[in-house]
Protein backbone atom coordinates (compact mmCIF):
# COMPACT_ATOMS: atom_id res chain seq x y z
CA GLN A 1 0.00 -0.06 -0.12
CA SER A 2 1.87 3.27 -0.81
CA SER A 3 -0.52 5.63 0.37
CA VAL A 4 -1.53 6.02 4.00
CA ASN A 5 -4.74 7.93 3.09
CA SER A 6 -5.94 4.52 1.10
CA LYS A 7 -7.09 2.94 3.98
CA ILE A 8 -7.23 -0.70 4.08
CA PRO A 9 -10.81 -2.39 5.87
CA PRO A 10 -10.33 -4.68 7.85
CA LYS A 11 -11.32 -8.18 7.24
CA GLU A 12 -14.46 -9.26 8.56
CA LYS A 13 -15.44 -12.51 9.36
CA LYS A 14 -18.52 -13.98 7.94
CA PRO A 15 -21.02 -14.61 9.57
CA PRO A 16 -22.38 -18.00 11.05
CA ALA A 17 -24.53 -20.50 8.79
CA PRO A 18 -28.40 -19.61 9.42
CA THR A 19 -29.97 -21.82 11.22
CA GLY A 20 -30.91 -23.97 8.03
CA GLN A 21 -28.06 -23.60 5.97
CA THR A 22 -27.30 -26.61 3.78
CA VAL A 23 -23.47 -27.37 4.58
CA PRO A 24 -21.44 -28.22 1.34
CA HIS A 25 -20.50 -31.22 0.86
CA GLN A 26 -16.80 -30.79 1.65
CA ILE A 27 -17.93 -29.65 5.08
CA SER A 28 -20.47 -32.32 5.59
CA SER A 29 -17.51 -34.85 5.33
CA VAL A 30 -15.74 -32.95 8.11
CA PHE A 31 -18.42 -33.75 9.80
CA LEU A 32 -18.79 -37.55 9.46
CA TYR A 33 -15.33 -37.18 10.17
CA GLY A 34 -15.78 -35.84 13.73
CA LEU A 35 -18.70 -37.94 14.31
CA SER A 36 -17.18 -40.92 13.56
CA LEU A 37 -14.64 -39.61 16.51
CA CYS A 38 -17.29 -39.05 18.92
CA ASN A 39 -18.66 -42.21 21.00
CA ALA A 40 -21.30 -40.72 23.66
CA GLN A 41 -22.28 -38.04 24.82
CA HIS A 42 -20.34 -36.31 27.37
CA PRO A 43 -21.82 -34.11 29.08
CA VAL A 44 -19.76 -31.01 31.10
CA THR A 45 -20.21 -30.58 34.32
CA HIS A 46 -20.31 -27.25 36.02
CA ALA A 47 -19.68 -25.43 32.21
CA HIS A 48 -20.30 -21.55 31.36
CA MET A 49 -21.59 -20.38 28.48
CA GLY A 50 -19.46 -17.71 27.47
CA LEU A 51 -17.18 -19.47 25.67
CA ASP A 52 -15.20 -17.87 23.36
CA VAL A 53 -16.55 -20.62 20.88
CA PHE A 54 -15.01 -19.46 17.59
CA TRP A 55 -11.42 -18.80 18.40
CA LEU A 56 -11.28 -21.70 20.12
CA CYS A 57 -12.38 -23.55 17.48
CA ARG A 58 -10.46 -22.17 14.94
CA HIS A 59 -6.99 -22.42 16.81
CA ARG A 60 -7.85 -25.87 17.47
CA LEU A 61 -8.76 -26.91 14.16
CA ASP A 62 -5.66 -25.12 12.69
CA LEU A 63 -3.52 -27.42 15.63
CA PHE A 64 -5.10 -30.29 13.90
CA ALA A 65 -4.72 -29.60 10.44
CA GLN A 66 -0.78 -29.71 11.55
CA ARG A 67 -0.80 -32.24 13.27
CA SER A 68 -3.62 -34.60 12.01
CA HIS A 69 -1.00 -37.63 10.77
CA GLU A 70 0.00 -37.49 14.35
CA HIS A 71 -3.63 -37.33 15.42
CA THR A 72 -4.67 -40.32 12.57
CA GLN A 73 -1.89 -42.66 14.28
CA ARG A 74 -2.75 -41.94 17.34
CA ARG A 75 -6.70 -42.75 17.44
CA ARG A 76 -6.34 -45.39 14.70
CA ILE A 77 -8.46 -43.70 12.36
CA PRO A 78 -8.08 -45.18 8.54
CA ARG A 79 -5.86 -42.64 6.40
CA GLN A 80 -7.93 -42.89 3.61
CA GLY A 81 -10.99 -39.67 3.19
CA ALA A 82 -10.84 -36.19 2.29
CA ALA A 83 -11.41 -35.15 6.37
CA PRO A 84 -7.95 -33.89 7.26
CA HIS A 85 -6.84 -33.37 3.93
CA LEU A 86 -9.92 -30.27 3.83
CA LEU A 87 -8.75 -29.18 7.87
CA GLN A 88 -5.69 -28.49 5.75
CA ASN A 89 -7.35 -25.53 3.43
CA GLU A 90 -7.73 -22.24 5.32
CA VAL A 91 -10.70 -21.30 4.31
CA VAL A 92 -12.48 -24.38 4.90
CA ARG A 93 -11.34 -24.50 8.65
CA GLU A 94 -12.51 -21.07 8.92
CA HIS A 95 -15.91 -22.04 7.44
CA LEU A 96 -16.56 -24.98 9.90
CA ALA A 97 -15.29 -22.85 12.94
CA HIS A 98 -18.25 -20.42 12.31
CA VAL A 99 -20.81 -23.59 12.08
CA LEU A 100 -19.14 -24.89 14.96
CA CYS A 101 -19.82 -21.92 16.70
CA GLN A 102 -23.14 -21.90 15.90
CA GLN A 103 -23.33 -25.30 16.65
CA ALA A 104 -21.73 -24.59 19.85
CA GLN A 105 -23.55 -21.67 21.23
CA GLN A 106 -26.97 -24.01 21.12
CA LEU A 107 -26.34 -25.83 23.98
CA VAL A 108 -27.93 -25.35 27.24
CA LEU A 109 -27.82 -25.79 30.67
CA ASP A 110 -29.59 -28.80 32.52
CA GLY A 111 -29.08 -29.18 36.34
CA GLY A 112 -25.30 -28.65 35.92
CA GLU A 113 -24.59 -30.86 32.65
CA VAL A 114 -24.94 -29.20 29.81
CA HIS A 115 -26.40 -31.24 26.46
CA LEU A 116 -26.64 -30.83 22.67
CA LEU A 117 -30.03 -30.13 21.73
CA PRO A 118 -31.68 -32.86 20.14
CA GLY A 119 -31.14 -32.40 16.22
CA GLN A 120 -27.86 -31.13 16.26
CA ILE A 121 -25.12 -32.18 14.34
CA GLY A 122 -23.11 -35.08 16.42
CA ALA A 123 -19.79 -34.09 14.20
CA ALA A 124 -20.12 -30.34 15.86
CA ARG A 125 -20.05 -32.17 19.34
CA GLY A 126 -17.31 -34.17 18.20
CA ILE A 127 -14.64 -32.15 17.05
CA ILE A 128 -15.32 -30.01 20.29
CA ASP A 129 -14.93 -33.32 22.94
CA LEU A 130 -11.46 -33.83 20.94
CA GLN A 131 -10.27 -30.48 20.16
CA LEU A 132 -11.15 -28.98 23.64
CA THR A 133 -10.82 -31.23 25.48
CA ILE A 134 -13.94 -31.49 27.05
CA GLY A 135 -14.54 -33.08 30.49
CA LYS A 136 -13.78 -31.85 33.99
CA HIS A 137 -12.58 -28.12 32.87
CA ARG A 138 -15.67 -25.22 32.32
CA LEU A 139 -15.55 -24.47 28.85
CA GLY A 140 -15.79 -20.76 29.58
CA ARG A 141 -12.42 -20.81 31.18
CA ALA A 142 -9.69 -21.73 28.72
CA ARG A 143 -7.23 -24.88 29.64
CA VAL A 144 -4.67 -24.61 32.07
CA SER A 145 -1.30 -24.00 30.74
CA ALA A 146 0.63 -27.49 31.06
CA VAL A 147 3.71 -25.60 31.07
CA LEU A 148 3.84 -24.78 35.03
CA PRO A 149 3.67 -27.41 37.22
CA ARG A 150 -0.01 -27.84 39.93
CA ALA A 151 1.72 -26.19 42.95
CA ALA A 152 2.91 -22.98 40.44
CA GLN A 153 -0.43 -22.79 38.97
CA ARG A 154 -1.55 -22.36 42.27
CA GLU A 155 0.03 -19.78 43.41
CA LEU A 156 0.29 -17.85 40.41
CA LEU A 157 -3.77 -18.25 40.65
CA GLY A 158 -3.30 -16.73 44.34
CA TRP A 159 -1.38 -13.73 43.08
CA ALA A 160 -3.76 -13.00 40.41
CA LYS A 161 -6.61 -13.28 42.86
CA ALA A 162 -5.06 -10.80 44.96
CA THR A 163 -3.90 -8.36 41.95
CA TRP A 164 -8.00 -7.66 41.48
CA GLN A 165 -7.99 -6.99 44.25
CA TYR A 166 -6.56 -3.59 43.36
CA PHE A 167 -9.24 -2.92 40.83
CA GLU A 168 -12.52 -4.35 42.31
CA THR A 169 -11.33 -1.93 45.47
CA PHE A 170 -10.29 0.98 43.86
CA CYS A 171 -12.58 1.17 40.43
CA THR A 172 -15.94 2.76 42.81
CA ALA A 173 -19.11 4.76 41.83
CA GLY A 174 -16.47 8.02 42.78
CA GLU A 175 -13.80 6.84 40.72
CA HIS A 176 -16.78 6.72 38.29
CA TYR A 177 -15.19 2.98 37.74
CA LEU A 178 -11.81 4.10 36.02
CA PRO A 179 -9.25 2.65 37.83
CA PRO A 180 -6.86 5.20 39.90
CA ASP A 181 -3.67 5.51 38.69
CA ASN A 182 -2.04 4.72 41.70
CA VAL A 183 -2.24 4.02 45.59
CA GLN A 184 0.40 5.00 48.12
CA THR A 185 0.24 3.15 51.47
CA GLN A 186 3.24 4.52 52.76
CA PRO A 187 3.86 7.59 52.93
CA PRO A 188 0.13 7.07 53.03
CA THR A 189 -0.86 10.10 50.77
CA GLY A 190 -3.57 7.57 48.92
CA THR A 191 -5.59 7.16 45.85
CA ALA A 192 -4.24 9.52 42.87
CA HIS A 193 -7.52 10.54 41.55
CA ARG A 194 -6.21 10.86 37.52
CA THR A 195 -6.20 7.82 35.32
CA SER A 196 -4.46 7.38 31.42
CA PRO A 197 -5.95 5.44 28.14
CA THR A 198 -3.27 2.62 29.12
CA ASN A 199 -4.99 2.18 32.86
CA MET A 200 -8.65 2.44 31.48
CA GLY A 201 -8.33 -0.34 28.48
CA PHE A 202 -5.57 -2.52 31.13
CA ALA A 203 -8.19 -2.51 33.46
CA LEU A 204 -11.26 -3.72 31.58
CA LEU A 205 -9.42 -6.18 30.29
CA SER A 206 -8.49 -7.30 33.78
CA ALA A 207 -12.17 -7.26 34.52
CA LEU A 208 -12.25 -10.33 32.08
CA CYS A 209 -9.29 -11.56 33.12
CA ALA A 210 -10.96 -12.30 36.57
CA HIS A 211 -13.51 -13.58 35.31
CA ALA A 212 -11.80 -16.24 32.75
CA LEU A 213 -9.84 -16.93 36.36
CA GLY A 214 -12.93 -17.29 37.65
CA VAL A 215 -11.69 -14.88 40.72
CA ASP A 216 -13.39 -12.34 40.00
CA ASN A 217 -16.11 -12.98 42.79
CA GLY A 218 -18.49 -12.33 39.88
CA ARG A 219 -18.09 -8.39 39.25
CA GLY A 220 -15.98 -8.61 36.39
CA LEU A 221 -18.56 -8.23 33.94
CA THR A 222 -20.38 -5.85 35.69
CA LEU A 223 -17.20 -3.56 36.06
CA ALA A 224 -16.43 -4.09 32.66
CA GLU A 225 -20.03 -3.02 31.77
CA GLN A 226 -19.48 0.12 34.21
CA MET A 227 -16.48 0.80 33.02
CA LEU A 228 -17.35 1.57 29.14
CA THR A 229 -20.33 3.09 30.52
CA THR A 230 -18.17 6.23 31.83
CA MET A 231 -15.27 5.77 28.71
CA GLU A 232 -18.26 6.61 26.79
CA GLN A 233 -18.45 9.54 27.89
CA LEU A 234 -15.18 11.01 28.40
CA PRO A 235 -14.31 13.79 26.02
CA ARG A 236 -11.59 12.69 22.61
CA TRP A 237 -9.51 13.33 19.76
CA ASN A 238 -10.33 12.11 16.73
CA GLY A 239 -11.63 8.95 18.38
CA HIS A 240 -8.62 8.58 20.81
CA PHE A 241 -8.28 9.59 24.58
CA TYR A 242 -6.71 12.48 26.05
CA ASN A 243 -2.89 10.94 28.05
CA TRP A 244 -4.89 11.80 31.75
CA TYR A 245 -8.37 12.51 33.09
CA HIS A 246 -9.40 13.22 36.80
CA THR A 247 -11.12 10.18 37.62
CA CYS A 248 -13.81 12.29 40.05
CA THR A 249 -14.33 14.73 37.48
CA LEU A 250 -14.06 13.05 33.52
CA ARG A 251 -12.33 16.29 33.18
CA PRO A 252 -9.24 16.14 30.54
CA MET A 253 -5.80 17.62 32.52
CA PRO A 254 -3.72 19.89 30.83
CA PRO A 255 -2.34 19.72 28.46
CA LEU A 256 -4.45 18.00 26.43
CA TYR A 257 -2.11 15.50 25.04
CA VAL A 258 -3.03 12.11 22.74
CA SER A 259 -0.07 9.87 23.49
CA THR A 260 0.55 6.81 20.40
CA VAL A 261 1.52 4.06 22.86
CA ASP A 262 -1.24 5.17 25.12
CA SER A 263 -3.25 4.88 22.53
CA GLY A 264 -1.92 1.38 20.77
CA ASN A 265 -1.92 0.10 24.29
CA CYS A 266 -6.29 1.42 24.93
CA ALA A 267 -7.58 0.33 21.47
CA ALA A 268 -5.27 -3.15 21.57
CA ALA A 269 -7.60 -3.95 24.73
CA LEU A 270 -10.47 -2.51 23.29
CA LEU A 271 -10.09 -5.67 20.44
CA ALA A 272 -9.40 -8.03 22.94
CA ALA A 273 -12.74 -7.03 25.08
CA ALA A 274 -15.16 -7.16 22.63
CA ASN A 275 -14.00 -10.73 21.45
CA ALA A 276 -13.97 -11.76 24.35
CA LEU A 277 -18.09 -10.28 25.82
CA ARG A 278 -18.93 -11.53 22.13
CA GLY A 279 -17.83 -14.99 22.82
CA TRP A 280 -19.02 -14.79 25.85
CA GLY A 281 -22.97 -13.90 24.58
CA GLN A 282 -22.60 -10.26 26.03
CA GLY A 283 -23.20 -8.79 21.96
CA ALA A 284 -24.28 -5.68 23.07
CA LEU A 285 -21.15 -4.72 25.29
CA ALA A 286 -19.06 -5.97 22.70
CA ALA A 287 -20.16 -3.65 20.12
CA ARG A 288 -19.53 -0.98 22.69
CA ALA A 289 -15.91 -1.90 23.11
CA GLN A 290 -15.38 -2.50 19.12
CA ALA A 291 -16.74 0.60 18.27
CA LEU A 292 -14.56 2.75 21.37
CA CYS A 293 -11.91 0.94 19.44
CA ASP A 294 -12.92 1.39 15.87
CA GLY A 295 -13.11 5.62 16.54
CA MET A 296 -9.36 5.50 16.93
CA ASP A 297 -7.45 6.66 13.39
CA PHE A 298 -4.16 5.55 13.97
CA ALA A 299 -2.90 7.68 10.20
CA LEU A 300 -2.83 11.14 12.04
CA LEU A 301 -0.03 10.20 14.22
CA TYR A 302 1.94 8.27 11.63
CA ASP A 303 4.71 10.60 9.47
CA PRO A 304 4.71 9.11 5.62
CA GLN A 305 7.66 10.50 4.95
CA ARG A 306 9.66 9.10 8.25
CA ARG A 307 7.20 5.83 7.91
CA LEU A 308 7.17 6.38 11.83
CA MET A 309 4.76 7.17 14.69
CA HIS A 310 5.23 9.82 16.58
CA ILE A 311 5.39 9.53 20.55
CA GLY A 312 2.06 11.91 20.35
CA ILE A 313 0.53 14.96 19.51
CA ASP A 314 -0.83 18.57 21.71
CA THR A 315 -4.12 18.74 20.30
CA GLY A 316 -4.12 21.81 21.59
CA SER A 317 -2.00 23.49 19.37
CA GLY A 318 -1.44 20.55 17.13
CA LYS A 319 1.86 19.85 16.97
CA ARG A 320 3.16 16.77 16.67
CA SER A 321 5.75 15.65 18.99
CA GLU A 322 9.36 15.45 17.21
CA GLY A 323 10.95 12.37 18.80
CA TYR A 324 9.35 9.17 17.02
CA TYR A 325 9.18 5.36 18.20
CA ASP A 326 11.75 3.92 15.74
CA LEU A 327 12.93 0.79 17.46
CA LEU A 328 11.35 -2.31 17.25
CA GLU A 329 12.15 -3.52 20.54
CA SER A 330 9.90 -1.01 22.07
CA GLU A 331 6.07 -1.26 23.61
CA ALA A 332 5.17 0.88 21.21
CA ARG A 333 5.49 -2.17 18.80
CA LEU A 334 2.52 -3.05 19.60
CA THR A 335 0.46 -0.09 18.22
CA SER A 336 2.48 -1.04 14.99
CA TYR A 337 1.21 -3.40 15.04
CA PHE A 338 -2.49 -3.18 15.98
CA ALA A 339 -1.95 0.29 13.15
CA VAL A 340 -0.69 -2.17 10.68
CA ALA A 341 -3.28 -5.07 10.32
CA ARG A 342 -6.00 -2.32 10.42
CA GLY A 343 -4.67 -0.54 7.68
CA ASP A 344 -4.33 2.52 8.89
CA VAL A 345 -0.65 2.81 8.36
CA PRO A 346 1.32 1.04 5.53
CA ARG A 347 2.73 -2.01 5.99
CA GLU A 348 5.97 -0.63 5.34
CA HIS A 349 6.22 1.05 9.12
CA TRP A 350 7.20 -2.18 10.21
CA ARG A 351 9.99 -2.42 8.19
CA ALA A 352 11.15 0.69 9.32
CA LEU A 353 11.76 -0.35 12.89
CA SER A 354 15.09 -0.19 13.63
CA ARG A 355 16.38 -4.00 14.33
CA ALA A 356 19.83 -2.83 15.70
CA GLN A 357 21.24 -5.44 17.43
CA VAL A 358 23.87 -5.40 20.55
CA GLN A 359 25.26 -8.17 22.31
CA HIS A 360 26.61 -9.12 25.58
CA GLU A 361 28.75 -12.28 26.51
CA ARG A 362 28.18 -13.57 22.96
CA TYR A 363 25.19 -13.88 22.86
CA ARG A 364 22.90 -11.09 21.17
CA GLY A 365 19.61 -9.52 19.93
CA CYS A 366 17.81 -6.14 19.09
CA VAL A 367 18.54 -3.39 21.53
CA SER A 368 16.12 -1.43 22.86
CA TRP A 369 15.96 2.67 24.25
CA SER A 370 16.23 1.86 28.02
CA GLY A 371 16.94 -1.84 28.21
CA SER A 372 13.56 -2.65 30.20
CA MET A 373 11.63 -5.38 29.94
CA PHE A 374 8.55 -3.11 29.64
CA GLU A 375 9.89 -2.47 26.15
CA TYR A 376 10.78 -6.12 25.36
CA LEU A 377 7.39 -8.03 26.38
CA MET A 378 4.83 -5.45 27.34
CA PRO A 379 3.26 -6.12 23.52
CA GLU A 380 3.48 -9.86 24.16
CA LEU A 381 0.63 -9.67 26.04
CA PHE A 382 -1.26 -9.63 22.97
CA LEU A 383 1.32 -10.67 20.28
CA PRO A 384 1.88 -14.40 20.93
CA PRO A 385 5.95 -15.08 20.38
CA GLN A 386 7.06 -17.29 17.89
CA ARG A 387 9.70 -19.36 18.79
CA ASP A 388 12.90 -18.84 16.84
CA SER A 389 11.73 -15.41 15.58
CA LEU A 390 13.79 -12.90 15.76
CA LEU A 391 11.42 -11.06 18.29
CA TRP A 392 11.73 -14.28 20.44
CA GLU A 393 15.52 -14.44 19.93
CA SER A 394 15.44 -10.92 21.40
CA ALA A 395 13.18 -11.49 24.44
CA LYS A 396 15.61 -14.43 25.35
CA PHE A 397 18.57 -12.32 25.29
CA CYS A 398 16.47 -9.57 27.25
CA LEU A 399 16.00 -12.23 29.87
CA ARG A 400 19.32 -13.80 30.18
CA VAL A 401 20.80 -9.95 30.66
CA GLN A 402 17.95 -8.76 32.97
CA ARG A 403 18.98 -11.94 35.22
CA ARG A 404 22.85 -11.84 35.12
CA ARG A 405 22.52 -7.89 36.22
CA VAL A 406 21.76 -9.26 40.20
CA ARG A 407 23.36 -11.98 42.69
CA ALA A 408 22.48 -15.72 42.52
CA GLY A 409 19.44 -15.93 44.66
CA GLN A 410 18.69 -12.24 44.07
CA PRO A 411 15.13 -11.26 42.73
CA TRP A 412 15.12 -9.82 39.28
CA GLY A 413 13.49 -7.56 36.74
CA VAL A 414 14.17 -4.21 35.61
CA SER A 415 11.54 -1.57 33.77
CA GLU A 416 9.99 1.64 34.43
CA SER A 417 9.07 1.85 37.59
CA ALA A 418 8.80 4.10 41.28
CA TYR A 419 11.92 4.06 43.19
CA PHE A 420 12.20 5.07 46.23
CA ALA A 421 12.72 9.11 46.23
CA LEU A 422 9.83 11.60 47.58
CA ASP A 423 9.11 14.32 45.56
CA SER A 424 7.70 17.67 47.48
CA ALA A 425 4.20 16.08 47.68
CA LEU A 426 5.77 13.07 49.50
CA SER A 427 5.18 10.88 46.20
CA TYR A 428 7.02 8.31 44.98
CA ARG A 429 9.38 9.33 41.44
CA TYR A 430 8.58 7.59 38.71
CA LYS A 431 11.26 6.49 35.73
CA ALA A 432 12.56 4.03 32.75
CA HIS A 433 14.65 2.31 34.77
CA GLY A 434 16.95 -1.27 32.86
CA CYS A 435 20.26 -2.77 31.73
CA ALA A 436 23.07 -1.04 29.86
CA ALA A 437 23.27 -3.89 28.46
CA LEU A 438 20.04 -3.57 26.35
CA ALA A 439 20.20 -0.27 26.05
CA MET A 440 20.68 2.98 23.80
CA GLN A 441 20.33 5.48 26.60
CA PRO A 442 23.58 5.79 28.70
CA ASP A 443 24.25 4.87 32.00
CA MET A 444 20.72 3.11 32.45
CA ASP A 445 23.09 0.57 34.91
CA ARG A 446 23.89 3.03 37.58
CA GLU A 447 20.42 2.52 39.76
CA LEU A 448 19.01 -0.88 40.59
CA VAL A 449 14.83 -0.89 41.06
CA LEU A 450 13.67 -4.43 40.57
CA SER A 451 9.79 -4.37 40.26
CA PRO A 452 7.44 -7.52 40.45
CA TYR A 453 5.45 -6.62 37.28
CA SER A 454 8.38 -7.33 35.01
CA ALA A 455 8.37 -11.20 36.35
CA PHE A 456 5.44 -11.41 35.40
CA LEU A 457 5.92 -10.00 32.04
CA ALA A 458 8.43 -12.49 31.93
CA LEU A 459 6.02 -15.67 32.27
CA ALA A 460 5.11 -15.24 28.30
CA ILE A 461 8.93 -16.58 27.50
CA ALA A 462 10.43 -18.60 30.68
CA PRO A 463 7.14 -19.14 33.04
CA ARG A 464 9.02 -21.42 35.44
CA ALA A 465 11.70 -18.86 35.64
CA ALA A 466 9.21 -16.04 36.65
CA VAL A 467 7.39 -18.01 38.90
CA ARG A 468 10.66 -18.81 40.66
CA ASP A 469 11.38 -14.97 40.29
CA LEU A 470 8.18 -13.54 41.99
CA ARG A 471 8.24 -16.24 44.84
CA ARG A 472 11.94 -14.75 45.44
CA PHE A 473 9.86 -11.11 45.45
CA ALA A 474 7.59 -13.06 47.94
CA ALA A 475 10.53 -13.80 50.03
CA ARG A 476 11.48 -10.26 50.37
CA GLY A 477 7.96 -8.93 51.30
CA LEU A 478 6.41 -7.62 48.41
CA PRO A 479 3.37 -8.97 48.36
CA GLY A 480 0.37 -7.18 50.02
CA GLN A 481 -3.70 -6.40 49.79
CA TYR A 482 -3.37 -5.57 46.36
CA GLY A 483 -1.27 -7.83 44.95
CA PHE A 484 2.80 -7.23 44.61
CA ARG A 485 3.86 -3.76 45.82
CA GLU A 486 5.36 -1.60 43.28
CA ALA A 487 9.22 -2.21 43.27
CA LEU A 488 11.96 -2.91 45.63
CA ASP A 489 14.69 -0.32 44.84
CA CYS A 490 18.57 -1.54 45.78
CA THR A 491 19.87 1.31 44.51
CA ARG A 492 22.84 1.56 47.02
CA ALA A 493 23.01 5.52 46.27
CA ARG A 494 19.74 5.47 48.01
CA THR A 495 19.26 2.28 50.11
CA GLY A 496 23.13 0.90 50.77
CA GLY A 497 21.90 -1.24 48.21
CA GLY A 498 20.30 -3.50 50.65
CA GLY A 499 16.54 -2.87 49.26
CA GLN A 500 13.88 -0.84 49.99
CA ILE A 501 10.34 -1.89 48.97
CA VAL A 502 8.37 0.29 47.13
CA HIS A 503 5.01 0.98 49.56
CA CYS A 504 2.73 2.06 46.56
CA VAL A 505 0.31 -0.47 43.17
CA MET A 506 0.18 1.39 39.86
CA ALA A 507 -2.86 0.42 37.84
CA HIS A 508 -1.28 -0.47 34.65
CA HIS A 509 1.56 -2.73 36.49
CA GLN A 510 -1.43 -4.31 37.92
CA GLY A 511 -3.30 -4.83 34.62
CA MET A 512 -0.30 -6.21 33.36
CA SER A 513 0.65 -8.45 35.98
CA LEU A 514 -2.75 -9.59 35.54
CA LEU A 515 -3.19 -10.05 32.12
CA SER A 516 0.01 -11.87 31.89
CA ALA A 517 -0.64 -14.55 34.53
CA CYS A 518 -4.49 -14.85 32.77
CA ASN A 519 -1.64 -15.23 29.32
CA ALA A 520 0.47 -18.10 31.35
CA LEU A 521 -2.67 -19.91 33.49
CA CYS A 522 -5.09 -20.09 29.96
CA GLY A 523 -3.15 -20.90 27.50
CA GLY A 524 -2.95 -17.87 25.93
CA GLN A 525 -6.30 -16.49 26.61
CA VAL A 526 -5.34 -12.63 26.22
CA GLN A 527 -3.78 -12.95 22.74
CA ARG A 528 -6.26 -15.34 21.61
CA TRP A 529 -9.09 -12.55 22.58
CA PHE A 530 -6.76 -10.22 20.02
CA LEU A 531 -5.78 -12.53 17.61
CA ALA A 532 -9.49 -13.31 17.23
CA ASP A 533 -9.75 -10.60 15.59
CA PRO A 534 -9.60 -11.34 11.21
CA ALA A 535 -7.27 -8.44 10.74
CA MET A 536 -5.29 -8.80 13.56
CA ARG A 537 -4.53 -12.96 12.83
CA ALA A 538 -4.04 -12.23 9.23
CA HIS A 539 -0.62 -10.07 9.97
CA MET A 540 1.01 -12.74 12.44
CA SER A 541 3.66 -13.16 9.80
CA LEU A 542 4.97 -9.77 11.22
CA LEU A 543 5.80 -11.77 14.40
CA SER A 544 7.85 -14.44 12.31
CA GLU A 545 10.87 -12.54 11.42
CA ARG A 546 14.04 -14.51 11.87
CA LEU A 547 16.61 -13.12 13.50
CA PRO A 548 19.60 -11.96 10.12
CA LEU A 549 22.57 -14.25 10.32
CA GLY A 550 26.04 -11.69 10.73
CA ALA A 551 24.45 -8.62 11.26
CA PRO A 552 26.87 -6.24 12.72
CA ALA A 553 26.28 -5.55 16.63
CA LEU A 554 26.86 -1.91 18.43
């Protein structure tokens, strides 16, 4: 696409086939194949109707297409027949997933068990039984990841439940159900009555993650609806939320600035929320979240000459920032992916992002600005890492450098966070922290501020190591009533190196922690919600770029 003004329309999902519509002959063959796999009626105890049916079916059918030979051998199914070969066809899988979605949505609750209504196509049950492993797990809850041992899963779920308390406690009517930016308990300055687009988007998605995990005390969907109601009332600029709002008055806080990365975070969260709600049968709520997402036009934040996104725009003067997001390893990568996939900016923008590499102890990866885990791993909340890709190798490189930054047995994980220094209002100061070996910004090793949310982000790449890291934070006294406290400041000049706890909790860090836990426990749930959008899913090849061999390091 040569021009930003030529907007590529997002690919629309095909609507499920109306009831009674004749299924094509080839699809019937697939249904018959599914029927042959289903031996008996399998009631599902304690099921929940809120299943993201389409995406789960589509995802499992994709896996099935890749591994049909293995399934054939394992289940001793005769290899002859057209069904496995048909499933290699993406169009067939797409259509079948929609039909399965239609059938699965007709499941009814009867005495705590789910039964298929009479007259439904048995093959729908067969495919779902095979691919979704219907049994003791709730249909409305994604299956627990097999990567973590059960003890670690229980710990992680407990930490997620505590983290949810932040949103359940502080997203109140007085705050118009929006998440206050932070709450500080020591010194007791209390609640910061302001919020940002990232805070709102991550809080909305946190409510849905808590619901998916079953730790929301029945409040997740209600709070999500209340948040959406408030967000619809907020003044915006061309669909974009301003950088800060007062949560008590809902007025934008000057200067009236629109941040590109905050808008991208919010848009991605709204899109994922819309797909989650749609899958749970909350069509009206899903449409409202989708409308807020669709209203944001990222072409307004793009420089076609530089082929880069501006950091933001001062809407009062109309002046765009002179700085740009120009690195692939940046928190803005999620915004770039979203804008390219939706057609707001051309695909050449992704190619324009710098892949400059750095080397440390014979290992290498892409450089970031401050060397923080936030830059490398925050986008992975929505964008699943592709093994052996450039982004995967860079994320592993980041974790290697971060873990070697500290002494053996010490917690690790450095990102932007509050630290153990107070401003004139006795609030903790906040800035980016990182590792010099990963950073273009100089002197990033002069301070050492360790943040638990960094460990949560690491669940996407090294889940077992991340849980061990969280245990180390827990041993240092960081867990609190609302999840882990903000940080452990080990900067020698401020704390003597022994470590001082930063006694506050921040909305977007708690949100990232809860989303990370949900992905780890529910098989990439947030990523699947995000990629349920056909346009987002269609651009996954951008994430598979390989590490260039022989490229010079900075």
